[in-house]
Amino acid sequence: MGKFYSGTVTYKWSWDQVAQAFWQRYPNPYSNHVLTEDILSRHVQGHCLYTRRLLTKTNPVPRWGERFIPNSARKMCVIEESVVDAESRTITTYTRNMAMQHVMNVEEKCVYQISPDNSKWTVCEKSAWVSSAVFGFGAAITAFGIDRFKKNAAKASRGYEHVLERMFTPALHHQAVSAAAASNTDKFKDKAIKVAQAAKAKAPTSIMSPRPQPS
């Protein structure tokens, strides 16, 4: 018994930026459950970069799930396999849990590609298959797994967005600050000129001008 989930996320960043940030996703404030990440293998074939990574994540369970998952399994090892295709401009990832598969098995696929709606944006299509072989509790465990996947997927998207802003916004921020500073400078100059003109209008035309005589 299993359940399928699919969803789409749009990042308003170019594919090149998303590809650069892909390897900098962790840590971020939305991924505190990701403890470690290690590269197991990596090689280039043609236009593609193939990478296999091992991620260690915390695995909190609800009270009713404690009977199925011991304390020693509360930290979950996850295998992430990715293919970065520089020619087609796609990033494809396959992720699956390595432990406690008899309780709950989660297989995820993500495809990052240029958005068909805007060539300057990147769209990520996520899909997941969650299943459980626990007799009598499979439906409940699967439903819990889908709900958790949705929540974690939302956190992952916010975390990715955070990393993108951290990596690529500083230059834009500097430009904005510089533009604001230049604008403020121009405003200050204009104000100074107006003050000087007002003072000049009130001042006598010459210091030798005769003072008014008392009547």
N, C-alpha and C. Protein backbone atom coordinates (compact mmCIF):
# COMPACT_ATOMS: atom_id res chain seq x y z
N MET A 1 0.85 -1.19 0.00
CA MET A 1 0.00 0.00 0.00
C MET A 1 0.88 1.24 0.00
N GLY A 2 0.54 2.20 -0.84
CA GLY A 2 1.34 3.40 -0.90
C GLY A 2 0.56 4.59 -1.40
N LYS A 3 1.17 5.74 -1.31
CA LYS A 3 0.55 6.97 -1.76
C LYS A 3 1.55 7.76 -2.59
N PHE A 4 1.03 8.46 -3.58
CA PHE A 4 1.87 9.26 -4.48
C PHE A 4 1.57 10.74 -4.27
N TYR A 5 2.63 11.54 -4.34
CA TYR A 5 2.48 12.99 -4.21
C TYR A 5 3.30 13.67 -5.30
N SER A 6 2.78 14.77 -5.83
CA SER A 6 3.54 15.57 -6.80
C SER A 6 3.22 17.04 -6.58
N GLY A 7 4.18 17.88 -6.84
CA GLY A 7 4.01 19.31 -6.68
C GLY A 7 5.07 20.06 -7.46
N THR A 8 4.84 21.34 -7.65
CA THR A 8 5.76 22.18 -8.42
C THR A 8 6.10 23.44 -7.63
N VAL A 9 7.37 23.81 -7.66
CA VAL A 9 7.85 25.02 -7.01
C VAL A 9 8.58 25.86 -8.04
N THR A 10 8.33 27.16 -8.05
CA THR A 10 9.01 28.06 -8.98
C THR A 10 9.95 28.97 -8.21
N TYR A 11 11.20 28.99 -8.63
CA TYR A 11 12.20 29.89 -8.05
C TYR A 11 12.44 31.02 -9.05
N LYS A 12 12.33 32.22 -8.60
CA LYS A 12 12.53 33.37 -9.49
C LYS A 12 14.02 33.70 -9.59
N TRP A 13 14.76 32.69 -9.94
CA TRP A 13 16.21 32.78 -10.13
C TRP A 13 16.55 31.97 -11.38
N SER A 14 17.64 32.34 -12.02
CA SER A 14 18.04 31.64 -13.24
C SER A 14 18.48 30.22 -12.92
N TRP A 15 18.48 29.37 -13.96
CA TRP A 15 18.91 27.99 -13.76
C TRP A 15 20.36 27.93 -13.31
N ASP A 16 21.22 28.79 -13.86
CA ASP A 16 22.62 28.81 -13.46
C ASP A 16 22.76 29.11 -11.96
N GLN A 17 21.97 30.05 -11.46
CA GLN A 17 22.02 30.38 -10.04
C GLN A 17 21.52 29.22 -9.18
N VAL A 18 20.43 28.61 -9.61
CA VAL A 18 19.90 27.47 -8.87
C VAL A 18 20.90 26.31 -8.86
N ALA A 19 21.58 26.11 -9.98
CA ALA A 19 22.57 25.03 -10.07
C ALA A 19 23.75 25.30 -9.14
N GLN A 20 24.18 26.55 -9.06
CA GLN A 20 25.28 26.89 -8.15
C GLN A 20 24.87 26.70 -6.70
N ALA A 21 23.64 27.09 -6.38
CA ALA A 21 23.18 27.00 -4.99
C ALA A 21 22.85 25.57 -4.59
N PHE A 22 22.70 24.68 -5.56
CA PHE A 22 22.31 23.30 -5.26
C PHE A 22 23.27 22.65 -4.27
N TRP A 23 24.57 22.94 -4.42
CA TRP A 23 25.57 22.31 -3.55
C TRP A 23 25.76 23.09 -2.25
N GLN A 24 25.06 24.20 -2.09
CA GLN A 24 25.18 25.02 -0.88
C GLN A 24 23.87 25.03 -0.08
N ARG A 25 23.00 24.06 -0.34
CA ARG A 25 21.68 24.07 0.30
C ARG A 25 21.75 23.94 1.82
N TYR A 26 22.75 23.23 2.31
CA TYR A 26 22.87 23.02 3.76
C TYR A 26 24.18 23.61 4.24
N PRO A 27 24.15 24.21 5.45
CA PRO A 27 22.98 24.39 6.32
C PRO A 27 22.18 25.64 5.94
N ASN A 28 20.95 25.68 6.41
CA ASN A 28 20.12 26.87 6.31
C ASN A 28 19.10 26.82 7.46
N PRO A 29 18.48 27.92 7.80
CA PRO A 29 17.59 27.95 8.98
C PRO A 29 16.40 27.00 8.89
N TYR A 30 16.10 26.51 7.70
CA TYR A 30 14.93 25.64 7.53
C TYR A 30 15.31 24.16 7.44
N SER A 31 16.58 23.85 7.64
CA SER A 31 17.03 22.45 7.49
C SER A 31 17.78 21.98 8.73
N ASN A 32 17.28 22.34 9.89
CA ASN A 32 17.94 21.91 11.12
C ASN A 32 17.89 20.39 11.30
N HIS A 33 16.99 19.73 10.57
CA HIS A 33 16.89 18.27 10.68
C HIS A 33 17.99 17.56 9.89
N VAL A 34 18.70 18.31 9.03
CA VAL A 34 19.81 17.72 8.28
C VAL A 34 21.08 17.87 9.11
N LEU A 35 21.65 16.76 9.52
CA LEU A 35 22.80 16.78 10.43
C LEU A 35 24.14 16.74 9.69
N THR A 36 24.26 15.87 8.70
CA THR A 36 25.53 15.73 7.97
C THR A 36 25.25 15.49 6.49
N GLU A 37 26.26 15.74 5.67
CA GLU A 37 26.21 15.43 4.24
C GLU A 37 27.61 15.04 3.78
N ASP A 38 27.70 13.93 3.10
CA ASP A 38 28.99 13.41 2.64
C ASP A 38 28.86 12.92 1.21
N ILE A 39 29.87 13.22 0.41
CA ILE A 39 29.90 12.76 -0.98
C ILE A 39 30.50 11.36 -1.02
N LEU A 40 29.73 10.40 -1.55
CA LEU A 40 30.20 9.03 -1.66
C LEU A 40 30.92 8.79 -2.98
N SER A 41 30.42 9.39 -4.05
CA SER A 41 31.07 9.24 -5.36
C SER A 41 30.65 10.39 -6.26
N ARG A 42 31.50 10.66 -7.24
CA ARG A 42 31.21 11.75 -8.19
C ARG A 42 32.04 11.53 -9.44
N HIS A 43 31.41 11.70 -10.60
CA HIS A 43 32.15 11.60 -11.85
C HIS A 43 31.40 12.36 -12.94
N VAL A 44 32.15 12.70 -13.98
CA VAL A 44 31.60 13.42 -15.13
C VAL A 44 31.56 12.47 -16.31
N GLN A 45 30.41 12.47 -16.97
CA GLN A 45 30.26 11.67 -18.18
C GLN A 45 29.52 12.50 -19.21
N GLY A 46 30.22 12.83 -20.29
CA GLY A 46 29.63 13.71 -21.29
C GLY A 46 29.39 15.10 -20.71
N HIS A 47 28.14 15.58 -20.82
CA HIS A 47 27.80 16.88 -20.27
C HIS A 47 27.21 16.78 -18.87
N CYS A 48 27.26 15.59 -18.28
CA CYS A 48 26.56 15.37 -17.00
C CYS A 48 27.53 15.12 -15.85
N LEU A 49 27.14 15.67 -14.70
CA LEU A 49 27.86 15.43 -13.45
C LEU A 49 27.00 14.52 -12.59
N TYR A 50 27.54 13.34 -12.26
CA TYR A 50 26.82 12.36 -11.45
C TYR A 50 27.40 12.38 -10.03
N THR A 51 26.53 12.51 -9.05
CA THR A 51 26.97 12.58 -7.66
C THR A 51 26.09 11.71 -6.79
N ARG A 52 26.71 11.03 -5.86
CA ARG A 52 26.00 10.21 -4.88
C ARG A 52 26.39 10.70 -3.50
N ARG A 53 25.39 11.10 -2.71
CA ARG A 53 25.68 11.65 -1.39
C ARG A 53 24.90 10.90 -0.31
N LEU A 54 25.46 10.93 0.90
CA LEU A 54 24.81 10.34 2.06
C LEU A 54 24.44 11.48 3.01
N LEU A 55 23.16 11.62 3.30
CA LEU A 55 22.68 12.64 4.22
C LEU A 55 22.17 11.96 5.49
N THR A 56 22.48 12.55 6.62
CA THR A 56 21.96 12.07 7.89
C THR A 56 20.97 13.09 8.42
N LYS A 57 19.76 12.63 8.72
CA LYS A 57 18.70 13.53 9.18
C LYS A 57 18.07 12.99 10.45
N THR A 58 17.53 13.89 11.26
CA THR A 58 16.76 13.46 12.42
C THR A 58 15.43 12.91 11.92
N ASN A 59 14.87 12.01 12.69
CA ASN A 59 13.66 11.33 12.24
C ASN A 59 12.65 11.25 13.38
N PRO A 60 12.12 12.40 13.83
CA PRO A 60 11.14 12.35 14.93
C PRO A 60 9.88 11.62 14.49
N VAL A 61 9.29 10.88 15.40
CA VAL A 61 8.08 10.13 15.09
C VAL A 61 6.99 10.48 16.09
N PRO A 62 5.73 10.35 15.71
CA PRO A 62 4.65 10.58 16.66
C PRO A 62 4.64 9.49 17.73
N ARG A 63 3.90 9.73 18.79
CA ARG A 63 3.89 8.78 19.89
C ARG A 63 3.44 7.39 19.45
N TRP A 64 2.45 7.36 18.54
CA TRP A 64 1.95 6.05 18.13
C TRP A 64 2.97 5.27 17.29
N GLY A 65 3.99 6.00 16.77
CA GLY A 65 4.99 5.33 15.94
C GLY A 65 6.18 4.81 16.72
N GLU A 66 6.24 5.11 18.02
CA GLU A 66 7.39 4.69 18.82
C GLU A 66 7.47 3.17 18.92
N ARG A 67 6.34 2.50 18.79
CA ARG A 67 6.33 1.03 18.90
C ARG A 67 6.97 0.38 17.69
N PHE A 68 7.05 1.13 16.57
CA PHE A 68 7.61 0.58 15.34
C PHE A 68 9.06 1.00 15.10
N ILE A 69 9.41 2.19 15.58
CA ILE A 69 10.74 2.74 15.31
C ILE A 69 11.49 2.94 16.62
N PRO A 70 12.55 2.19 16.88
CA PRO A 70 13.31 2.34 18.12
C PRO A 70 14.09 3.64 18.16
N ASN A 71 14.57 3.98 19.35
CA ASN A 71 15.34 5.22 19.51
C ASN A 71 16.57 5.25 18.63
N SER A 72 17.17 4.10 18.40
CA SER A 72 18.40 4.04 17.60
C SER A 72 18.15 4.43 16.14
N ALA A 73 16.88 4.41 15.72
CA ALA A 73 16.57 4.73 14.32
C ALA A 73 16.01 6.13 14.17
N ARG A 74 16.11 6.94 15.21
CA ARG A 74 15.56 8.29 15.12
C ARG A 74 16.44 9.21 14.27
N LYS A 75 17.64 8.74 13.91
CA LYS A 75 18.49 9.43 12.95
C LYS A 75 18.53 8.60 11.68
N MET A 76 18.05 9.19 10.60
CA MET A 76 17.85 8.45 9.35
C MET A 76 18.93 8.77 8.33
N CYS A 77 19.47 7.72 7.70
CA CYS A 77 20.43 7.90 6.61
C CYS A 77 19.67 7.89 5.29
N VAL A 78 19.97 8.88 4.45
CA VAL A 78 19.28 9.05 3.18
C VAL A 78 20.32 9.12 2.05
N ILE A 79 20.05 8.39 0.99
CA ILE A 79 20.91 8.43 -0.18
C ILE A 79 20.31 9.40 -1.20
N GLU A 80 21.14 10.32 -1.68
CA GLU A 80 20.72 11.28 -2.71
C GLU A 80 21.61 11.08 -3.93
N GLU A 81 21.01 10.74 -5.04
CA GLU A 81 21.72 10.62 -6.30
C GLU A 81 21.26 11.74 -7.22
N SER A 82 22.19 12.43 -7.82
CA SER A 82 21.84 13.59 -8.65
C SER A 82 22.59 13.54 -9.98
N VAL A 83 21.92 14.13 -10.98
CA VAL A 83 22.52 14.26 -12.31
C VAL A 83 22.34 15.71 -12.74
N VAL A 84 23.44 16.40 -12.93
CA VAL A 84 23.40 17.78 -13.41
C VAL A 84 23.79 17.77 -14.88
N ASP A 85 22.83 18.10 -15.72
CA ASP A 85 23.06 18.08 -17.17
C ASP A 85 23.24 19.52 -17.65
N ALA A 86 24.47 19.89 -17.96
CA ALA A 86 24.76 21.27 -18.37
C ALA A 86 24.25 21.58 -19.76
N GLU A 87 24.05 20.54 -20.58
CA GLU A 87 23.58 20.77 -21.95
C GLU A 87 22.06 21.02 -21.98
N SER A 88 21.30 20.16 -21.33
CA SER A 88 19.84 20.33 -21.31
C SER A 88 19.40 21.27 -20.20
N ARG A 89 20.34 21.67 -19.36
CA ARG A 89 20.06 22.55 -18.22
C ARG A 89 18.96 21.96 -17.33
N THR A 90 19.28 20.80 -16.81
CA THR A 90 18.38 20.14 -15.87
C THR A 90 19.21 19.57 -14.71
N ILE A 91 18.59 19.52 -13.55
CA ILE A 91 19.15 18.83 -12.40
C ILE A 91 18.09 17.83 -11.95
N THR A 92 18.46 16.57 -11.92
CA THR A 92 17.53 15.52 -11.50
C THR A 92 18.08 14.83 -10.27
N THR A 93 17.27 14.73 -9.23
CA THR A 93 17.70 14.07 -8.01
C THR A 93 16.77 12.91 -7.67
N TYR A 94 17.36 11.85 -7.13
CA TYR A 94 16.61 10.70 -6.64
C TYR A 94 17.04 10.48 -5.19
N THR A 95 16.08 10.44 -4.29
CA THR A 95 16.38 10.31 -2.87
C THR A 95 15.56 9.18 -2.27
N ARG A 96 16.18 8.39 -1.39
CA ARG A 96 15.46 7.31 -0.70
C ARG A 96 16.10 7.07 0.66
N ASN A 97 15.30 6.63 1.60
CA ASN A 97 15.82 6.31 2.92
C ASN A 97 16.45 4.92 2.91
N MET A 98 17.48 4.75 3.74
CA MET A 98 18.23 3.50 3.75
C MET A 98 17.79 2.56 4.87
N ALA A 99 17.27 3.12 5.95
CA ALA A 99 16.92 2.31 7.11
C ALA A 99 15.41 2.29 7.31
N MET A 100 14.94 1.31 8.06
CA MET A 100 13.52 1.18 8.43
C MET A 100 12.60 1.18 7.23
N GLN A 101 13.06 0.61 6.13
CA GLN A 101 12.23 0.58 4.93
C GLN A 101 11.00 -0.30 5.10
N HIS A 102 11.06 -1.27 6.00
CA HIS A 102 9.89 -2.12 6.22
C HIS A 102 8.78 -1.36 6.94
N VAL A 103 9.17 -0.28 7.67
CA VAL A 103 8.17 0.54 8.35
C VAL A 103 7.62 1.59 7.39
N MET A 104 8.52 2.36 6.79
CA MET A 104 8.09 3.37 5.81
C MET A 104 9.20 3.57 4.79
N ASN A 105 8.85 3.49 3.55
CA ASN A 105 9.80 3.69 2.46
C ASN A 105 9.40 4.94 1.68
N VAL A 106 10.33 5.87 1.54
CA VAL A 106 10.06 7.13 0.85
C VAL A 106 11.04 7.28 -0.31
N GLU A 107 10.51 7.39 -1.50
CA GLU A 107 11.33 7.62 -2.69
C GLU A 107 10.90 8.94 -3.32
N GLU A 108 11.87 9.80 -3.54
CA GLU A 108 11.58 11.14 -4.05
C GLU A 108 12.36 11.42 -5.32
N LYS A 109 11.73 12.13 -6.23
CA LYS A 109 12.39 12.57 -7.45
C LYS A 109 12.12 14.06 -7.64
N CYS A 110 13.17 14.81 -7.94
CA CYS A 110 13.04 16.25 -8.22
C CYS A 110 13.72 16.56 -9.54
N VAL A 111 13.08 17.38 -10.33
CA VAL A 111 13.66 17.82 -11.61
C VAL A 111 13.62 19.34 -11.65
N TYR A 112 14.81 19.94 -11.72
CA TYR A 112 14.95 21.39 -11.83
C TYR A 112 15.25 21.74 -13.28
N GLN A 113 14.46 22.63 -13.85
CA GLN A 113 14.67 23.03 -15.23
C GLN A 113 14.18 24.47 -15.45
N ILE A 114 14.54 25.02 -16.59
CA ILE A 114 14.13 26.39 -16.89
C ILE A 114 12.62 26.45 -17.00
N SER A 115 12.03 27.45 -16.36
CA SER A 115 10.57 27.58 -16.37
C SER A 115 10.07 27.86 -17.78
N PRO A 116 9.02 27.17 -18.22
CA PRO A 116 8.45 27.45 -19.54
C PRO A 116 7.73 28.79 -19.59
N ASP A 117 7.41 29.35 -18.43
CA ASP A 117 6.70 30.62 -18.37
C ASP A 117 7.64 31.83 -18.39
N ASN A 118 8.88 31.60 -17.90
CA ASN A 118 9.85 32.70 -17.84
C ASN A 118 11.25 32.10 -17.88
N SER A 119 12.01 32.41 -18.91
CA SER A 119 13.33 31.80 -19.09
C SER A 119 14.33 32.22 -18.03
N LYS A 120 13.99 33.27 -17.25
CA LYS A 120 14.88 33.72 -16.18
C LYS A 120 14.56 33.04 -14.85
N TRP A 121 13.56 32.19 -14.84
CA TRP A 121 13.16 31.48 -13.63
C TRP A 121 13.45 29.99 -13.77
N THR A 122 13.40 29.30 -12.63
CA THR A 122 13.62 27.85 -12.61
C THR A 122 12.45 27.18 -11.90
N VAL A 123 11.97 26.11 -12.49
CA VAL A 123 10.86 25.37 -11.90
C VAL A 123 11.36 24.01 -11.42
N CYS A 124 10.86 23.59 -10.27
CA CYS A 124 11.23 22.29 -9.72
C CYS A 124 9.97 21.43 -9.60
N GLU A 125 9.99 20.30 -10.27
CA GLU A 125 8.87 19.36 -10.19
C GLU A 125 9.25 18.24 -9.21
N LYS A 126 8.47 18.14 -8.13
CA LYS A 126 8.75 17.16 -7.10
C LYS A 126 7.69 16.06 -7.12
N SER A 127 8.14 14.83 -6.96
CA SER A 127 7.22 13.71 -6.84
C SER A 127 7.77 12.74 -5.81
N ALA A 128 6.86 12.07 -5.10
CA ALA A 128 7.29 11.14 -4.05
C ALA A 128 6.33 9.97 -3.97
N TRP A 129 6.88 8.82 -3.62
CA TRP A 129 6.09 7.62 -3.41
C TRP A 129 6.39 7.13 -1.99
N VAL A 130 5.36 7.07 -1.18
CA VAL A 130 5.50 6.64 0.22
C VAL A 130 4.72 5.35 0.41
N SER A 131 5.36 4.35 1.00
CA SER A 131 4.70 3.06 1.21
C SER A 131 5.10 2.48 2.56
N SER A 132 4.31 1.56 3.04
CA SER A 132 4.58 0.89 4.31
C SER A 132 4.10 -0.55 4.24
N ALA A 133 4.91 -1.45 4.82
CA ALA A 133 4.56 -2.87 4.81
C ALA A 133 4.10 -3.34 6.19
N VAL A 134 3.83 -2.42 7.10
CA VAL A 134 3.40 -2.79 8.45
C VAL A 134 1.94 -3.23 8.40
N PHE A 135 1.69 -4.45 8.73
CA PHE A 135 0.33 -5.00 8.64
C PHE A 135 -0.60 -4.30 9.63
N GLY A 136 -1.72 -3.83 9.12
CA GLY A 136 -2.73 -3.20 9.97
C GLY A 136 -2.51 -1.73 10.21
N PHE A 137 -1.28 -1.25 10.00
CA PHE A 137 -0.98 0.16 10.24
C PHE A 137 -0.41 0.84 8.99
N GLY A 138 -0.36 0.11 7.89
CA GLY A 138 0.25 0.65 6.68
C GLY A 138 -0.41 1.93 6.19
N ALA A 139 -1.73 1.97 6.22
CA ALA A 139 -2.44 3.16 5.72
C ALA A 139 -2.13 4.37 6.58
N ALA A 140 -2.16 4.19 7.91
CA ALA A 140 -1.89 5.31 8.82
C ALA A 140 -0.45 5.80 8.68
N ILE A 141 0.49 4.86 8.57
CA ILE A 141 1.89 5.24 8.43
C ILE A 141 2.13 5.94 7.10
N THR A 142 1.51 5.46 6.04
CA THR A 142 1.67 6.08 4.73
C THR A 142 1.09 7.49 4.72
N ALA A 143 -0.08 7.66 5.31
CA ALA A 143 -0.69 8.99 5.39
C ALA A 143 0.19 9.94 6.18
N PHE A 144 0.76 9.45 7.27
CA PHE A 144 1.69 10.27 8.06
C PHE A 144 2.92 10.63 7.22
N GLY A 145 3.42 9.67 6.44
CA GLY A 145 4.61 9.92 5.63
C GLY A 145 4.36 10.96 4.56
N ILE A 146 3.19 10.92 3.92
CA ILE A 146 2.86 11.92 2.90
C ILE A 146 2.74 13.30 3.52
N ASP A 147 2.09 13.38 4.67
CA ASP A 147 1.93 14.67 5.34
C ASP A 147 3.29 15.25 5.73
N ARG A 148 4.16 14.39 6.26
CA ARG A 148 5.50 14.86 6.63
C ARG A 148 6.27 15.29 5.40
N PHE A 149 6.15 14.54 4.31
CA PHE A 149 6.87 14.90 3.10
C PHE A 149 6.46 16.28 2.61
N LYS A 150 5.16 16.56 2.61
CA LYS A 150 4.68 17.88 2.17
C LYS A 150 5.28 18.99 3.02
N LYS A 151 5.29 18.80 4.35
CA LYS A 151 5.83 19.82 5.24
C LYS A 151 7.33 20.00 5.02
N ASN A 152 8.05 18.88 4.88
CA ASN A 152 9.50 18.96 4.65
C ASN A 152 9.81 19.57 3.29
N ALA A 153 8.96 19.29 2.29
CA ALA A 153 9.17 19.86 0.95
C ALA A 153 9.01 21.37 1.00
N ALA A 154 8.03 21.86 1.77
CA ALA A 154 7.83 23.30 1.91
C ALA A 154 9.03 23.94 2.60
N LYS A 155 9.55 23.28 3.63
CA LYS A 155 10.73 23.79 4.33
C LYS A 155 11.94 23.79 3.40
N ALA A 156 12.08 22.73 2.62
CA ALA A 156 13.22 22.64 1.70
C ALA A 156 13.18 23.78 0.69
N SER A 157 11.99 24.12 0.20
CA SER A 157 11.85 25.21 -0.77
C SER A 157 12.23 26.54 -0.14
N ARG A 158 11.77 26.77 1.10
CA ARG A 158 12.12 28.02 1.78
C ARG A 158 13.62 28.07 2.07
N GLY A 159 14.18 26.93 2.42
CA GLY A 159 15.62 26.89 2.66
C GLY A 159 16.43 27.16 1.42
N TYR A 160 15.99 26.61 0.30
CA TYR A 160 16.66 26.84 -0.99
C TYR A 160 16.59 28.32 -1.35
N GLU A 161 15.41 28.91 -1.16
CA GLU A 161 15.22 30.33 -1.44
C GLU A 161 16.14 31.18 -0.55
N HIS A 162 16.29 30.78 0.70
CA HIS A 162 17.17 31.49 1.63
C HIS A 162 18.61 31.46 1.14
N VAL A 163 19.06 30.29 0.68
CA VAL A 163 20.43 30.14 0.19
C VAL A 163 20.64 30.98 -1.07
N LEU A 164 19.66 30.98 -1.97
CA LEU A 164 19.76 31.78 -3.19
C LEU A 164 19.88 33.26 -2.86
N GLU A 165 19.09 33.73 -1.92
CA GLU A 165 19.15 35.14 -1.54
C GLU A 165 20.49 35.46 -0.89
N ARG A 166 20.99 34.54 -0.08
CA ARG A 166 22.27 34.76 0.60
C ARG A 166 23.42 34.81 -0.40
N MET A 167 23.33 34.00 -1.46
CA MET A 167 24.42 33.93 -2.42
C MET A 167 24.38 35.06 -3.45
N PHE A 168 23.19 35.46 -3.87
CA PHE A 168 23.10 36.35 -5.03
C PHE A 168 22.48 37.72 -4.74
N THR A 169 21.87 37.91 -3.60
CA THR A 169 21.28 39.21 -3.30
C THR A 169 22.30 40.26 -2.89
N PRO A 170 23.41 39.92 -2.20
CA PRO A 170 24.35 40.95 -1.76
C PRO A 170 24.74 41.95 -2.83
N ALA A 171 25.03 41.47 -4.06
CA ALA A 171 25.41 42.39 -5.14
C ALA A 171 24.26 43.33 -5.47
N LEU A 172 23.04 42.78 -5.53
CA LEU A 172 21.88 43.62 -5.81
C LEU A 172 21.64 44.59 -4.68
N HIS A 173 21.86 44.10 -3.46
CA HIS A 173 21.68 44.97 -2.29
C HIS A 173 22.69 46.12 -2.32
N HIS A 174 23.93 45.81 -2.71
CA HIS A 174 24.95 46.85 -2.79
C HIS A 174 24.57 47.89 -3.84
N GLN A 175 24.04 47.42 -4.97
CA GLN A 175 23.62 48.35 -6.01
C GLN A 175 22.48 49.23 -5.53
N ALA A 176 21.55 48.63 -4.79
CA ALA A 176 20.42 49.40 -4.27
C ALA A 176 20.89 50.45 -3.27
N VAL A 177 21.83 50.04 -2.39
CA VAL A 177 22.35 50.98 -1.41
C VAL A 177 23.09 52.12 -2.09
N SER A 178 23.89 51.78 -3.11
CA SER A 178 24.63 52.81 -3.83
C SER A 178 23.68 53.78 -4.53
N ALA A 179 22.62 53.23 -5.13
CA ALA A 179 21.65 54.09 -5.80
C ALA A 179 20.94 55.00 -4.81
N ALA A 180 20.61 54.44 -3.64
CA ALA A 180 19.95 55.23 -2.61
C ALA A 180 20.87 56.33 -2.09
N ALA A 181 22.17 55.97 -1.92
CA ALA A 181 23.13 56.96 -1.45
C ALA A 181 23.29 58.09 -2.46
N ALA A 182 23.34 57.72 -3.75
CA ALA A 182 23.47 58.73 -4.79
C ALA A 182 22.24 59.63 -4.82
N SER A 183 21.08 59.02 -4.65
CA SER A 183 19.84 59.80 -4.63
C SER A 183 19.82 60.76 -3.46
N ASN A 184 20.25 60.26 -2.29
CA ASN A 184 20.29 61.12 -1.10
C ASN A 184 21.28 62.27 -1.28
N THR A 185 22.40 61.97 -1.95
CA THR A 185 23.40 63.01 -2.20
C THR A 185 22.83 64.10 -3.09
N ASP A 186 22.09 63.67 -4.14
CA ASP A 186 21.48 64.64 -5.04
C ASP A 186 20.45 65.49 -4.31
N LYS A 187 19.66 64.84 -3.46
CA LYS A 187 18.66 65.58 -2.69
C LYS A 187 19.33 66.58 -1.76
N PHE A 188 20.45 66.17 -1.14
CA PHE A 188 21.17 67.07 -0.24
C PHE A 188 21.72 68.28 -1.00
N LYS A 189 22.26 67.99 -2.21
CA LYS A 189 22.79 69.09 -3.01
C LYS A 189 21.69 70.07 -3.40
N ASP A 190 20.54 69.53 -3.82
CA ASP A 190 19.43 70.39 -4.20
C ASP A 190 18.97 71.24 -3.02
N LYS A 191 18.91 70.62 -1.85
CA LYS A 191 18.48 71.36 -0.66
C LYS A 191 19.50 72.44 -0.30
N ALA A 192 20.77 72.13 -0.43
CA ALA A 192 21.82 73.10 -0.12
C ALA A 192 21.76 74.29 -1.07
N ILE A 193 21.49 73.98 -2.35
CA ILE A 193 21.40 75.07 -3.34
C ILE A 193 20.22 75.97 -3.02
N LYS A 194 19.08 75.39 -2.66
CA LYS A 194 17.89 76.18 -2.33
C LYS A 194 18.13 77.04 -1.09
N VAL A 195 18.79 76.48 -0.09
CA VAL A 195 19.09 77.25 1.12
C VAL A 195 20.02 78.41 0.79
N ALA A 196 21.02 78.13 -0.05
CA ALA A 196 21.97 79.19 -0.42
C ALA A 196 21.28 80.29 -1.20
N GLN A 197 20.37 79.90 -2.11
CA GLN A 197 19.65 80.90 -2.88
C GLN A 197 18.73 81.74 -2.00
N ALA A 198 18.10 81.11 -1.03
CA ALA A 198 17.23 81.86 -0.11
C ALA A 198 18.04 82.82 0.73
N ALA A 199 19.18 82.38 1.19
CA ALA A 199 20.04 83.25 2.00
C ALA A 199 20.55 84.41 1.18
N LYS A 200 20.87 84.14 -0.08
CA LYS A 200 21.38 85.19 -0.95
C LYS A 200 20.31 86.23 -1.23
N ALA A 201 19.05 85.79 -1.35
CA ALA A 201 17.96 86.72 -1.61
C ALA A 201 17.72 87.64 -0.43
N LYS A 202 17.93 87.18 0.78
CA LYS A 202 17.71 87.97 1.98
C LYS A 202 18.89 88.88 2.29
N ALA A 203 20.04 88.54 1.81
CA ALA A 203 21.25 89.31 2.14
C ALA A 203 21.30 90.60 1.33
N PRO A 204 21.96 91.67 1.83
CA PRO A 204 22.15 92.91 1.06
C PRO A 204 23.00 92.64 -0.16
N THR A 205 22.79 93.43 -1.20
CA THR A 205 23.53 93.21 -2.45
C THR A 205 25.01 93.47 -2.28
N SER A 206 25.39 94.32 -1.26
CA SER A 206 26.80 94.62 -1.06
C SER A 206 27.02 94.96 0.40
N ILE A 207 28.17 94.62 0.90
CA ILE A 207 28.46 94.99 2.29
C ILE A 207 28.66 96.48 2.43
N MET A 208 28.80 97.20 1.32
CA MET A 208 28.98 98.64 1.35
C MET A 208 27.63 99.36 1.24
N SER A 209 26.54 98.57 1.14
CA SER A 209 25.23 99.22 1.03
C SER A 209 24.95 100.02 2.30
N PRO A 210 24.44 101.26 2.13
CA PRO A 210 24.20 102.10 3.30
C PRO A 210 23.10 101.51 4.17
N ARG A 211 23.30 101.63 5.49
CA ARG A 211 22.30 101.16 6.40
C ARG A 211 21.14 102.16 6.45
N PRO A 212 19.95 101.73 6.68
CA PRO A 212 18.82 102.67 6.77
C PRO A 212 19.01 103.62 7.94
N GLN A 213 18.77 104.88 7.70
CA GLN A 213 18.92 105.90 8.74
C GLN A 213 17.67 105.96 9.61
N PRO A 214 17.85 106.16 10.88
CA PRO A 214 16.70 106.30 11.75
C PRO A 214 15.93 107.57 11.41
N SER A 215 14.59 107.49 11.47
CA SER A 215 13.75 108.64 11.15
C SER A 215 13.71 109.62 12.29
